[in-house]
Amino acid sequence: MHTVLPTFLTEITTAQVFWALQEPNSEDWVVLDSIAFENAEVMPLWSTQALAKAHCKDEWQSYVPNAISVADWLEFWLDDLHEDGVLVGVNWSENMYEELEVTEFSQALASIEKLS
């Protein structure tokens, strides 16, 4: 049962964006080893810029929060991450994490997507 995902979806519904950390020079995104699954990687995502920015320290101090729109995620990100077997960490933190399959996360996003 998901505990973080419903809140995450509620928080991004109006703006239709969520946040990930990107290194400005290399344009690399933060991806880390899964805590829950062996031999898997997780891309942490946050519902607000402030939550993402709070993680720009220590090994991620050179990274900055970068917005990803729901539409862009579904159009550009879903297939690549799915092919790479990368999981999604929703409102990830060191103390609390919920790792989801990319397809499951994307289906949840599709349910709140506002088509213009």
PDB file of N, CA and C in Angstrom:
ATOM      1  N   MET A   1       0.854  -1.194   0.000  1.00  0.00           N
ATOM      2  CA  MET A   1       0.000   0.000   0.000  1.00  0.00           C
ATOM      3  C   MET A   1       0.889   1.245   0.000  1.00  0.00           C
ATOM      4  N   HIS A   2       0.508   2.182  -0.799  1.00  0.00           N
ATOM      5  CA  HIS A   2       1.298   3.404  -0.911  1.00  0.00           C
ATOM      6  C   HIS A   2       0.860   4.416   0.135  1.00  0.00           C
ATOM      7  N   THR A   3       1.855   4.994   0.771  1.00  0.00           N
ATOM      8  CA  THR A   3       1.552   5.992   1.793  1.00  0.00           C
ATOM      9  C   THR A   3       1.914   7.400   1.324  1.00  0.00           C
ATOM     10  N   VAL A   4       2.946   7.506   0.504  1.00  0.00           N
ATOM     11  CA  VAL A   4       3.443   8.812   0.077  1.00  0.00           C
ATOM     12  C   VAL A   4       2.812   9.259  -1.239  1.00  0.00           C
ATOM     13  N   LEU A   5       2.524   8.315  -2.129  1.00  0.00           N
ATOM     14  CA  LEU A   5       2.052   8.651  -3.467  1.00  0.00           C
ATOM     15  C   LEU A   5       0.776   9.500  -3.493  1.00  0.00           C
ATOM     16  N   PRO A   6      -0.273   9.183  -2.729  1.00  0.00           N
ATOM     17  CA  PRO A   6      -1.482  10.024  -2.786  1.00  0.00           C
ATOM     18  C   PRO A   6      -1.212  11.493  -2.436  1.00  0.00           C
ATOM     19  N   THR A   7      -0.398  11.735  -1.424  1.00  0.00           N
ATOM     20  CA  THR A   7      -0.058  13.106  -1.039  1.00  0.00           C
ATOM     21  C   THR A   7       0.746  13.776  -2.153  1.00  0.00           C
ATOM     22  N   PHE A   8       1.712  13.060  -2.699  1.00  0.00           N
ATOM     23  CA  PHE A   8       2.528  13.570  -3.802  1.00  0.00           C
ATOM     24  C   PHE A   8       1.623  14.008  -4.964  1.00  0.00           C
ATOM     25  N   LEU A   9       0.686  13.163  -5.352  1.00  0.00           N
ATOM     26  CA  LEU A   9      -0.213  13.480  -6.467  1.00  0.00           C
ATOM     27  C   LEU A   9      -1.070  14.706  -6.161  1.00  0.00           C
ATOM     28  N   THR A  10      -1.576  14.799  -4.947  1.00  0.00           N
ATOM     29  CA  THR A  10      -2.381  15.951  -4.551  1.00  0.00           C
ATOM     30  C   THR A  10      -1.559  17.235  -4.650  1.00  0.00           C
ATOM     31  N   GLU A  11      -0.309  17.168  -4.199  1.00  0.00           N
ATOM     32  CA  GLU A  11       0.544  18.355  -4.181  1.00  0.00           C
ATOM     33  C   GLU A  11       0.959  18.828  -5.575  1.00  0.00           C
ATOM     34  N   ILE A  12       0.976  17.935  -6.563  1.00  0.00           N
ATOM     35  CA  ILE A  12       1.414  18.355  -7.907  1.00  0.00           C
ATOM     36  C   ILE A  12       0.270  18.565  -8.885  1.00  0.00           C
ATOM     37  N   THR A  13      -0.953  18.255  -8.505  1.00  0.00           N
ATOM     38  CA  THR A  13      -2.080  18.318  -9.440  1.00  0.00           C
ATOM     39  C   THR A  13      -2.266  19.706 -10.034  1.00  0.00           C
ATOM     40  N   THR A  14      -2.226  20.745  -9.235  1.00  0.00           N
ATOM     41  CA  THR A  14      -2.474  22.093  -9.734  1.00  0.00           C
ATOM     42  C   THR A  14      -1.362  22.571 -10.661  1.00  0.00           C
ATOM     43  N   ALA A  15      -0.132  22.471 -10.229  1.00  0.00           N
ATOM     44  CA  ALA A  15       0.998  22.981 -11.019  1.00  0.00           C
ATOM     45  C   ALA A  15       1.408  22.039 -12.144  1.00  0.00           C
ATOM     46  N   GLN A  16       1.102  20.735 -11.996  1.00  0.00           N
ATOM     47  CA  GLN A  16       1.454  19.734 -13.001  1.00  0.00           C
ATOM     48  C   GLN A  16       2.965  19.600 -13.198  1.00  0.00           C
ATOM     49  N   VAL A  17       3.731  19.876 -12.141  1.00  0.00           N
ATOM     50  CA  VAL A  17       5.183  19.671 -12.181  1.00  0.00           C
ATOM     51  C   VAL A  17       5.641  19.027 -10.883  1.00  0.00           C
ATOM     52  N   PHE A  18       6.745  18.316 -10.979  1.00  0.00           N
ATOM     53  CA  PHE A  18       7.437  17.803  -9.808  1.00  0.00           C
ATOM     54  C   PHE A  18       8.914  18.032 -10.055  1.00  0.00           C
ATOM     55  N   TRP A  19       9.741  17.654  -9.093  1.00  0.00           N
ATOM     56  CA  TRP A  19      11.141  18.087  -9.098  1.00  0.00           C
ATOM     57  C   TRP A  19      12.111  16.923  -8.964  1.00  0.00           C
ATOM     58  N   ALA A  20      13.219  17.038  -9.669  1.00  0.00           N
ATOM     59  CA  ALA A  20      14.337  16.108  -9.543  1.00  0.00           C
ATOM     60  C   ALA A  20      15.604  16.952  -9.449  1.00  0.00           C
ATOM     61  N   LEU A  21      16.710  16.322  -9.073  1.00  0.00           N
ATOM     62  CA  LEU A  21      17.967  17.054  -8.948  1.00  0.00           C
ATOM     63  C   LEU A  21      18.845  16.797 -10.162  1.00  0.00           C
ATOM     64  N   GLN A  22      19.365  17.900 -10.725  1.00  0.00           N
ATOM     65  CA  GLN A  22      20.220  17.823 -11.901  1.00  0.00           C
ATOM     66  C   GLN A  22      21.491  18.627 -11.670  1.00  0.00           C
ATOM     67  N   GLU A  23      22.602  18.087 -12.149  1.00  0.00           N
ATOM     68  CA  GLU A  23      23.879  18.784 -12.063  1.00  0.00           C
ATOM     69  C   GLU A  23      23.968  19.716 -13.270  1.00  0.00           C
ATOM     70  N   PRO A  24      24.086  21.029 -13.059  1.00  0.00           N
ATOM     71  CA  PRO A  24      24.005  21.994 -14.160  1.00  0.00           C
ATOM     72  C   PRO A  24      25.073  21.820 -15.246  1.00  0.00           C
ATOM     73  N   ASN A  25      26.284  21.474 -14.862  1.00  0.00           N
ATOM     74  CA  ASN A  25      27.357  21.376 -15.859  1.00  0.00           C
ATOM     75  C   ASN A  25      27.278  20.098 -16.683  1.00  0.00           C
ATOM     76  N   SER A  26      27.120  18.965 -16.024  1.00  0.00           N
ATOM     77  CA  SER A  26      27.074  17.686 -16.738  1.00  0.00           C
ATOM     78  C   SER A  26      25.667  17.353 -17.226  1.00  0.00           C
ATOM     79  N   GLU A  27      24.663  18.007 -16.638  1.00  0.00           N
ATOM     80  CA  GLU A  27      23.252  17.742 -16.892  1.00  0.00           C
ATOM     81  C   GLU A  27      22.834  16.339 -16.453  1.00  0.00           C
ATOM     82  N   ASP A  28      23.650  15.711 -15.586  1.00  0.00           N
ATOM     83  CA  ASP A  28      23.290  14.412 -15.026  1.00  0.00           C
ATOM     84  C   ASP A  28      22.209  14.588 -13.973  1.00  0.00           C
ATOM     85  N   TRP A  29      21.333  13.604 -13.872  1.00  0.00           N
ATOM     86  CA  TRP A  29      20.273  13.588 -12.865  1.00  0.00           C
ATOM     87  C   TRP A  29      20.700  12.685 -11.724  1.00  0.00           C
ATOM     88  N   VAL A  30      20.232  12.978 -10.519  1.00  0.00           N
ATOM     89  CA  VAL A  30      20.523  12.111  -9.381  1.00  0.00           C
ATOM     90  C   VAL A  30      19.778  10.789  -9.564  1.00  0.00           C
ATOM     91  N   VAL A  31      20.537   9.719  -9.537  1.00  0.00           N
ATOM     92  CA  VAL A  31      20.007   8.358  -9.511  1.00  0.00           C
ATOM     93  C   VAL A  31      20.877   7.612  -8.509  1.00  0.00           C
ATOM     94  N   LEU A  32      20.258   6.841  -7.631  1.00  0.00           N
ATOM     95  CA  LEU A  32      21.016   6.163  -6.595  1.00  0.00           C
ATOM     96  C   LEU A  32      20.597   4.707  -6.491  1.00  0.00           C
ATOM     97  N   ASP A  33      21.380   3.934  -5.768  1.00  0.00           N
ATOM     98  CA  ASP A  33      21.052   2.529  -5.574  1.00  0.00           C
ATOM     99  C   ASP A  33      19.774   2.397  -4.760  1.00  0.00           C
ATOM    100  N   SER A  34      18.946   1.462  -5.165  1.00  0.00           N
ATOM    101  CA  SER A  34      17.704   1.189  -4.453  1.00  0.00           C
ATOM    102  C   SER A  34      18.001   0.660  -3.061  1.00  0.00           C
ATOM    103  N   ILE A  35      17.194   1.074  -2.111  1.00  0.00           N
ATOM    104  CA  ILE A  35      17.299   0.564  -0.756  1.00  0.00           C
ATOM    105  C   ILE A  35      16.496  -0.729  -0.643  1.00  0.00           C
ATOM    106  N   ALA A  36      15.409  -0.820  -1.386  1.00  0.00           N
ATOM    107  CA  ALA A  36      14.477  -1.943  -1.261  1.00  0.00           C
ATOM    108  C   ALA A  36      14.763  -3.099  -2.221  1.00  0.00           C
ATOM    109  N   PHE A  37      15.397  -2.820  -3.359  1.00  0.00           N
ATOM    110  CA  PHE A  37      15.584  -3.846  -4.380  1.00  0.00           C
ATOM    111  C   PHE A  37      17.056  -3.971  -4.761  1.00  0.00           C
ATOM    112  N   GLU A  38      17.531  -5.202  -4.793  1.00  0.00           N
ATOM    113  CA  GLU A  38      18.914  -5.463  -5.147  1.00  0.00           C
ATOM    114  C   GLU A  38      19.116  -5.219  -6.642  1.00  0.00           C
ATOM    115  N   ASN A  39      20.255  -4.686  -7.000  1.00  0.00           N
ATOM    116  CA  ASN A  39      20.616  -4.435  -8.401  1.00  0.00           C
ATOM    117  C   ASN A  39      19.623  -3.528  -9.125  1.00  0.00           C
ATOM    118  N   ALA A  40      19.066  -2.561  -8.427  1.00  0.00           N
ATOM    119  CA  ALA A  40      18.152  -1.601  -9.044  1.00  0.00           C
ATOM    120  C   ALA A  40      18.579  -0.190  -8.660  1.00  0.00           C
ATOM    121  N   GLU A  41      18.231   0.756  -9.528  1.00  0.00           N
ATOM    122  CA  GLU A  41      18.507   2.162  -9.263  1.00  0.00           C
ATOM    123  C   GLU A  41      17.190   2.914  -9.120  1.00  0.00           C
ATOM    124  N   VAL A  42      17.263   4.016  -8.376  1.00  0.00           N
ATOM    125  CA  VAL A  42      16.084   4.826  -8.092  1.00  0.00           C
ATOM    126  C   VAL A  42      16.369   6.273  -8.454  1.00  0.00           C
ATOM    127  N   MET A  43      15.404   6.903  -9.112  1.00  0.00           N
ATOM    128  CA  MET A  43      15.474   8.337  -9.368  1.00  0.00           C
ATOM    129  C   MET A  43      14.563   9.014  -8.347  1.00  0.00           C
ATOM    130  N   PRO A  44      15.154   9.753  -7.390  1.00  0.00           N
ATOM    131  CA  PRO A  44      14.311  10.429  -6.401  1.00  0.00           C
ATOM    132  C   PRO A  44      13.589  11.627  -7.025  1.00  0.00           C
ATOM    133  N   LEU A  45      12.322  11.783  -6.662  1.00  0.00           N
ATOM    134  CA  LEU A  45      11.484  12.880  -7.142  1.00  0.00           C
ATOM    135  C   LEU A  45      10.773  13.506  -5.951  1.00  0.00           C
ATOM    136  N   TRP A  46      10.524  14.817  -6.060  1.00  0.00           N
ATOM    137  CA  TRP A  46       9.852  15.532  -4.973  1.00  0.00           C
ATOM    138  C   TRP A  46       8.694  16.346  -5.526  1.00  0.00           C
ATOM    139  N   SER A  47       7.687  16.555  -4.686  1.00  0.00           N
ATOM    140  CA  SER A  47       6.496  17.288  -5.102  1.00  0.00           C
ATOM    141  C   SER A  47       6.690  18.801  -5.078  1.00  0.00           C
ATOM    142  N   THR A  48       7.712  19.276  -4.356  1.00  0.00           N
ATOM    143  CA  THR A  48       7.954  20.719  -4.301  1.00  0.00           C
ATOM    144  C   THR A  48       9.437  21.015  -4.518  1.00  0.00           C
ATOM    145  N   GLN A  49       9.698  22.208  -4.984  1.00  0.00           N
ATOM    146  CA  GLN A  49      11.082  22.641  -5.174  1.00  0.00           C
ATOM    147  C   GLN A  49      11.811  22.677  -3.831  1.00  0.00           C
ATOM    148  N   ALA A  50      11.128  23.111  -2.790  1.00  0.00           N
ATOM    149  CA  ALA A  50      11.753  23.210  -1.467  1.00  0.00           C
ATOM    150  C   ALA A  50      12.189  21.836  -0.948  1.00  0.00           C
ATOM    151  N   LEU A  51      11.359  20.822  -1.125  1.00  0.00           N
ATOM    152  CA  LEU A  51      11.737  19.471  -0.698  1.00  0.00           C
ATOM    153  C   LEU A  51      12.959  18.984  -1.468  1.00  0.00           C
ATOM    154  N   ALA A  52      12.987  19.250  -2.766  1.00  0.00           N
ATOM    155  CA  ALA A  52      14.129  18.843  -3.582  1.00  0.00           C
ATOM    156  C   ALA A  52      15.383  19.600  -3.153  1.00  0.00           C
ATOM    157  N   LYS A  53      15.254  20.903  -2.967  1.00  0.00           N
ATOM    158  CA  LYS A  53      16.397  21.753  -2.626  1.00  0.00           C
ATOM    159  C   LYS A  53      17.025  21.341  -1.290  1.00  0.00           C
ATOM    160  N   ALA A  54      16.219  20.837  -0.383  1.00  0.00           N
ATOM    161  CA  ALA A  54      16.723  20.406   0.920  1.00  0.00           C
ATOM    162  C   ALA A  54      17.750  19.278   0.799  1.00  0.00           C
ATOM    163  N   HIS A  55      17.778  18.601  -0.339  1.00  0.00           N
ATOM    164  CA  HIS A  55      18.714  17.497  -0.552  1.00  0.00           C
ATOM    165  C   HIS A  55      19.970  17.920  -1.322  1.00  0.00           C
ATOM    166  N   CYS A  56      20.092  19.193  -1.635  1.00  0.00           N
ATOM    167  CA  CYS A  56      21.264  19.711  -2.366  1.00  0.00           C
ATOM    168  C   CYS A  56      22.403  19.989  -1.384  1.00  0.00           C
ATOM    169  N   LYS A  57      22.895  18.934  -0.790  1.00  0.00           N
ATOM    170  CA  LYS A  57      23.985  19.054   0.179  1.00  0.00           C
ATOM    171  C   LYS A  57      24.842  17.792   0.083  1.00  0.00           C
ATOM    172  N   ASP A  58      25.951  17.815   0.775  1.00  0.00           N
ATOM    173  CA  ASP A  58      26.886  16.692   0.786  1.00  0.00           C
ATOM    174  C   ASP A  58      27.230  16.285  -0.650  1.00  0.00           C
ATOM    175  N   GLU A  59      27.005  15.006  -0.990  1.00  0.00           N
ATOM    176  CA  GLU A  59      27.386  14.554  -2.330  1.00  0.00           C
ATOM    177  C   GLU A  59      26.536  15.161  -3.445  1.00  0.00           C
ATOM    178  N   TRP A  60      25.422  15.778  -3.102  1.00  0.00           N
ATOM    179  CA  TRP A  60      24.558  16.405  -4.105  1.00  0.00           C
ATOM    180  C   TRP A  60      24.614  17.932  -4.037  1.00  0.00           C
ATOM    181  N   GLN A  61      25.655  18.493  -3.424  1.00  0.00           N
ATOM    182  CA  GLN A  61      25.710  19.953  -3.249  1.00  0.00           C
ATOM    183  C   GLN A  61      25.827  20.706  -4.568  1.00  0.00           C
ATOM    184  N   SER A  62      26.335  20.078  -5.610  1.00  0.00           N
ATOM    185  CA  SER A  62      26.462  20.766  -6.905  1.00  0.00           C
ATOM    186  C   SER A  62      25.197  20.644  -7.747  1.00  0.00           C
ATOM    187  N   TYR A  63      24.205  19.917  -7.252  1.00  0.00           N
ATOM    188  CA  TYR A  63      22.951  19.718  -7.996  1.00  0.00           C
ATOM    189  C   TYR A  63      21.938  20.812  -7.656  1.00  0.00           C
ATOM    190  N   VAL A  64      20.990  21.021  -8.572  1.00  0.00           N
ATOM    191  CA  VAL A  64      19.922  21.994  -8.361  1.00  0.00           C
ATOM    192  C   VAL A  64      18.576  21.341  -8.700  1.00  0.00           C
ATOM    193  N   PRO A  65      17.511  21.775  -8.038  1.00  0.00           N
ATOM    194  CA  PRO A  65      16.181  21.258  -8.384  1.00  0.00           C
ATOM    195  C   PRO A  65      15.801  21.686  -9.800  1.00  0.00           C
ATOM    196  N   ASN A  66      15.256  20.772 -10.543  1.00  0.00           N
ATOM    197  CA  ASN A  66      14.812  21.057 -11.894  1.00  0.00           C
ATOM    198  C   ASN A  66      13.402  20.488 -12.055  1.00  0.00           C
ATOM    199  N   ALA A  67      12.493  21.307 -12.553  1.00  0.00           N
ATOM    200  CA  ALA A  67      11.097  20.892 -12.696  1.00  0.00           C
ATOM    201  C   ALA A  67      10.924  19.958 -13.889  1.00  0.00           C
ATOM    202  N   ILE A  68      10.060  18.977 -13.715  1.00  0.00           N
ATOM    203  CA  ILE A  68       9.648  18.074 -14.793  1.00  0.00           C
ATOM    204  C   ILE A  68       8.128  18.131 -14.833  1.00  0.00           C
ATOM    205  N   SER A  69       7.586  18.465 -15.983  1.00  0.00           N
ATOM    206  CA  SER A  69       6.123  18.522 -16.078  1.00  0.00           C
ATOM    207  C   SER A  69       5.564  17.106 -16.227  1.00  0.00           C
ATOM    208  N   VAL A  70       4.331  16.945 -15.800  1.00  0.00           N
ATOM    209  CA  VAL A  70       3.657  15.654 -15.939  1.00  0.00           C
ATOM    210  C   VAL A  70       3.625  15.251 -17.412  1.00  0.00           C
ATOM    211  N   ALA A  71       3.293  16.195 -18.280  1.00  0.00           N
ATOM    212  CA  ALA A  71       3.220  15.901 -19.720  1.00  0.00           C
ATOM    213  C   ALA A  71       4.566  15.453 -20.270  1.00  0.00           C
ATOM    214  N   ASP A  72       5.654  16.154 -19.895  1.00  0.00           N
ATOM    215  CA  ASP A  72       6.988  15.767 -20.363  1.00  0.00           C
ATOM    216  C   ASP A  72       7.372  14.390 -19.832  1.00  0.00           C
ATOM    217  N   TRP A  73       7.045  14.114 -18.580  1.00  0.00           N
ATOM    218  CA  TRP A  73       7.366  12.806 -18.009  1.00  0.00           C
ATOM    219  C   TRP A  73       6.712  11.704 -18.849  1.00  0.00           C
ATOM    220  N   LEU A  74       5.433  11.866 -19.106  1.00  0.00           N
ATOM    221  CA  LEU A  74       4.706  10.818 -19.830  1.00  0.00           C
ATOM    222  C   LEU A  74       5.171  10.696 -21.279  1.00  0.00           C
ATOM    223  N   GLU A  75       5.598  11.816 -21.878  1.00  0.00           N
ATOM    224  CA  GLU A  75       6.012  11.785 -23.276  1.00  0.00           C
ATOM    225  C   GLU A  75       7.467  11.370 -23.463  1.00  0.00           C
ATOM    226  N   PHE A  76       8.363  11.849 -22.600  1.00  0.00           N
ATOM    227  CA  PHE A  76       9.792  11.671 -22.839  1.00  0.00           C
ATOM    228  C   PHE A  76      10.506  10.751 -21.852  1.00  0.00           C
ATOM    229  N   TRP A  77      10.083  10.731 -20.604  1.00  0.00           N
ATOM    230  CA  TRP A  77      10.830  10.033 -19.558  1.00  0.00           C
ATOM    231  C   TRP A  77      10.418   8.577 -19.380  1.00  0.00           C
ATOM    232  N   LEU A  78       9.153   8.315 -19.451  1.00  0.00           N
ATOM    233  CA  LEU A  78       8.594   7.004 -19.116  1.00  0.00           C
ATOM    234  C   LEU A  78       9.314   5.860 -19.826  1.00  0.00           C
ATOM    235  N   ASP A  79       9.397   5.917 -21.135  1.00  0.00           N
ATOM    236  CA  ASP A  79       9.978   4.801 -21.887  1.00  0.00           C
ATOM    237  C   ASP A  79      11.442   4.576 -21.561  1.00  0.00           C
ATOM    238  N   ASP A  80      12.230   5.652 -21.510  1.00  0.00           N
ATOM    239  CA  ASP A  80      13.660   5.504 -21.238  1.00  0.00           C
ATOM    240  C   ASP A  80      13.920   4.909 -19.854  1.00  0.00           C
ATOM    241  N   LEU A  81      13.239   5.423 -18.849  1.00  0.00           N
ATOM    242  CA  LEU A  81      13.457   4.913 -17.497  1.00  0.00           C
ATOM    243  C   LEU A  81      12.964   3.476 -17.363  1.00  0.00           C
ATOM    244  N   HIS A  82      11.850   3.178 -18.009  1.00  0.00           N
ATOM    245  CA  HIS A  82      11.317   1.815 -17.975  1.00  0.00           C
ATOM    246  C   HIS A  82      12.306   0.842 -18.620  1.00  0.00           C
ATOM    247  N   GLU A  83      12.839   1.231 -19.784  1.00  0.00           N
ATOM    248  CA  GLU A  83      13.823   0.384 -20.470  1.00  0.00           C
ATOM    249  C   GLU A  83      15.067   0.169 -19.621  1.00  0.00           C
ATOM    250  N   ASP A  84      15.474   1.195 -18.884  1.00  0.00           N
ATOM    251  CA  ASP A  84      16.666   1.102 -18.039  1.00  0.00           C
ATOM    252  C   ASP A  84      16.394   0.414 -16.699  1.00  0.00           C
ATOM    253  N   GLY A  85      15.127   0.124 -16.410  1.00  0.00           N
ATOM    254  CA  GLY A  85      14.778  -0.534 -15.152  1.00  0.00           C
ATOM    255  C   GLY A  85      14.932   0.342 -13.934  1.00  0.00           C
ATOM    256  N   VAL A  86      14.868   1.660 -14.126  1.00  0.00           N
ATOM    257  CA  VAL A  86      15.022   2.600 -13.010  1.00  0.00           C
ATOM    258  C   VAL A  86      13.689   2.738 -12.284  1.00  0.00           C
ATOM    259  N   LEU A  87      13.747   2.704 -10.971  1.00  0.00           N
ATOM    260  CA  LEU A  87      12.566   2.917 -10.139  1.00  0.00           C
ATOM    261  C   LEU A  87      12.442   4.397  -9.819  1.00  0.00           C
ATOM    262  N   VAL A  88      11.332   4.780  -9.218  1.00  0.00           N
ATOM    263  CA  VAL A  88      11.087   6.163  -8.817  1.00  0.00           C
ATOM    264  C   VAL A  88      10.946   6.204  -7.304  1.00  0.00           C
ATOM    265  N   GLY A  89      11.647   7.161  -6.667  1.00  0.00           N
ATOM    266  CA  GLY A  89      11.520   7.381  -5.232  1.00  0.00           C
ATOM    267  C   GLY A  89      10.673   8.615  -4.991  1.00  0.00           C
ATOM    268  N   VAL A  90       9.458   8.425  -4.531  1.00  0.00           N
ATOM    269  CA  VAL A  90       8.495   9.513  -4.382  1.00  0.00           C
ATOM    270  C   VAL A  90       8.727  10.257  -3.072  1.00  0.00           C
ATOM    271  N   ASN A  91       8.950  11.591  -3.186  1.00  0.00           N
ATOM    272  CA  ASN A  91       9.278  12.432  -2.026  1.00  0.00           C
ATOM    273  C   ASN A  91      10.341  11.750  -1.163  1.00  0.00           C
ATOM    274  N   TRP A  92      11.394  11.338  -1.838  1.00  0.00           N
ATOM    275  CA  TRP A  92      12.466  10.562  -1.238  1.00  0.00           C
ATOM    276  C   TRP A  92      13.171  11.330  -0.132  1.00  0.00           C
ATOM    277  N   SER A  93      13.479  10.629   0.924  1.00  0.00           N
ATOM    278  CA  SER A  93      14.372  11.148   1.957  1.00  0.00           C
ATOM    279  C   SER A  93      15.113   9.953   2.539  1.00  0.00           C
ATOM    280  N   GLU A  94      16.154  10.219   3.287  1.00  0.00           N
ATOM    281  CA  GLU A  94      16.933   9.128   3.866  1.00  0.00           C
ATOM    282  C   GLU A  94      16.136   8.348   4.899  1.00  0.00           C
ATOM    283  N   ASN A  95      15.165   8.992   5.514  1.00  0.00           N
ATOM    284  CA  ASN A  95      14.395   8.354   6.572  1.00  0.00           C
ATOM    285  C   ASN A  95      13.112   7.703   6.076  1.00  0.00           C
ATOM    286  N   MET A  96      12.598   8.188   4.949  1.00  0.00           N
ATOM    287  CA  MET A  96      11.345   7.658   4.440  1.00  0.00           C
ATOM    288  C   MET A  96      11.421   7.618   2.931  1.00  0.00           C
ATOM    289  N   TYR A  97      11.124   6.493   2.389  1.00  0.00           N
ATOM    290  CA  TYR A  97      11.176   6.356   0.948  1.00  0.00           C
ATOM    291  C   TYR A  97      10.100   5.379   0.494  1.00  0.00           C
ATOM    292  N   GLU A  98       9.617   5.614  -0.680  1.00  0.00           N
ATOM    293  CA  GLU A  98       8.663   4.712  -1.301  1.00  0.00           C
ATOM    294  C   GLU A  98       9.116   4.565  -2.745  1.00  0.00           C
ATOM    295  N   GLU A  99       9.584   3.381  -3.079  1.00  0.00           N
ATOM    296  CA  GLU A  99      10.091   3.133  -4.418  1.00  0.00           C
ATOM    297  C   GLU A  99       9.010   2.447  -5.248  1.00  0.00           C
ATOM    298  N   LEU A 100       8.784   3.004  -6.442  1.00  0.00           N
ATOM    299  CA  LEU A 100       7.738   2.488  -7.319  1.00  0.00           C
ATOM    300  C   LEU A 100       8.313   2.143  -8.683  1.00  0.00           C
ATOM    301  N   GLU A 101       7.679   1.194  -9.347  1.00  0.00           N
ATOM    302  CA  GLU A 101       8.000   0.927 -10.741  1.00  0.00           C
ATOM    303  C   GLU A 101       7.602   2.169 -11.541  1.00  0.00           C
ATOM    304  N   VAL A 102       8.365   2.474 -12.573  1.00  0.00           N
ATOM    305  CA  VAL A 102       8.097   3.656 -13.396  1.00  0.00           C
ATOM    306  C   VAL A 102       6.702   3.594 -14.013  1.00  0.00           C
ATOM    307  N   THR A 103       6.285   2.420 -14.459  1.00  0.00           N
ATOM    308  CA  THR A 103       4.966   2.317 -15.095  1.00  0.00           C
ATOM    309  C   THR A 103       3.845   2.593 -14.088  1.00  0.00           C
ATOM    310  N   GLU A 104       3.992   2.103 -12.865  1.00  0.00           N
ATOM    311  CA  GLU A 104       2.982   2.352 -11.837  1.00  0.00           C
ATOM    312  C   GLU A 104       2.901   3.839 -11.501  1.00  0.00           C
ATOM    313  N   PHE A 105       4.056   4.472 -11.334  1.00  0.00           N
ATOM    314  CA  PHE A 105       4.107   5.902 -11.060  1.00  0.00           C
ATOM    315  C   PHE A 105       3.490   6.690 -12.212  1.00  0.00           C
ATOM    316  N   SER A 106       3.819   6.310 -13.427  1.00  0.00           N
ATOM    317  CA  SER A 106       3.329   7.034 -14.607  1.00  0.00           C
ATOM    318  C   SER A 106       1.825   6.878 -14.780  1.00  0.00           C
ATOM    319  N   GLN A 107       1.288   5.706 -14.453  1.00  0.00           N
ATOM    320  CA  GLN A 107      -0.163   5.534 -14.504  1.00  0.00           C
ATOM    321  C   GLN A 107      -0.857   6.450 -13.514  1.00  0.00           C
ATOM    322  N   ALA A 108      -0.264   6.596 -12.338  1.00  0.00           N
ATOM    323  CA  ALA A 108      -0.818   7.513 -11.331  1.00  0.00           C
ATOM    324  C   ALA A 108      -0.754   8.951 -11.831  1.00  0.00           C
ATOM    325  N   LEU A 109       0.362   9.320 -12.481  1.00  0.00           N
ATOM    326  CA  LEU A 109       0.471  10.670 -13.045  1.00  0.00           C
ATOM    327  C   LEU A 109      -0.577  10.894 -14.128  1.00  0.00           C
ATOM    328  N   ALA A 110      -0.778   9.907 -14.971  1.00  0.00           N
ATOM    329  CA  ALA A 110      -1.758  10.043 -16.067  1.00  0.00           C
ATOM    330  C   ALA A 110      -3.154  10.325 -15.507  1.00  0.00           C
ATOM    331  N   SER A 111      -3.437   9.805 -14.310  1.00  0.00           N
ATOM    332  CA  SER A 111      -4.764  10.004 -13.716  1.00  0.00           C
ATOM    333  C   SER A 111      -4.996  11.453 -13.278  1.00  0.00           C
ATOM    334  N   ILE A 112      -3.915  12.222 -13.097  1.00  0.00           N
ATOM    335  CA  ILE A 112      -4.077  13.620 -12.667  1.00  0.00           C
ATOM    336  C   ILE A 112      -3.675  14.612 -13.754  1.00  0.00           C
ATOM    337  N   GLU A 113      -3.232  14.080 -14.916  1.00  0.00           N
ATOM    338  CA  GLU A 113      -2.764  14.969 -15.982  1.00  0.00           C
ATOM    339  C   GLU A 113      -3.898  15.839 -16.500  1.00  0.00           C
ATOM    340  N   LYS A 114      -3.606  17.118 -16.640  1.00  0.00           N
ATOM    341  CA  LYS A 114      -4.568  18.076 -17.204  1.00  0.00           C
ATOM    342  C   LYS A 114      -4.188  18.304 -18.651  1.00  0.00           C
ATOM    343  N   LEU A 115      -5.033  17.869 -19.539  1.00  0.00           N
ATOM    344  CA  LEU A 115      -4.765  18.029 -20.968  1.00  0.00           C
ATOM    345  C   LEU A 115      -5.209  19.416 -21.405  1.00  0.00           C
ATOM    346  N   SER A 116      -4.308  20.102 -22.110  1.00  0.00           N
ATOM    347  CA  SER A 116      -4.670  21.460 -22.527  1.00  0.00           C
ATOM    348  C   SER A 116      -5.143  21.481 -23.961  1.00  0.00           C
TER     349      SER A 116
END
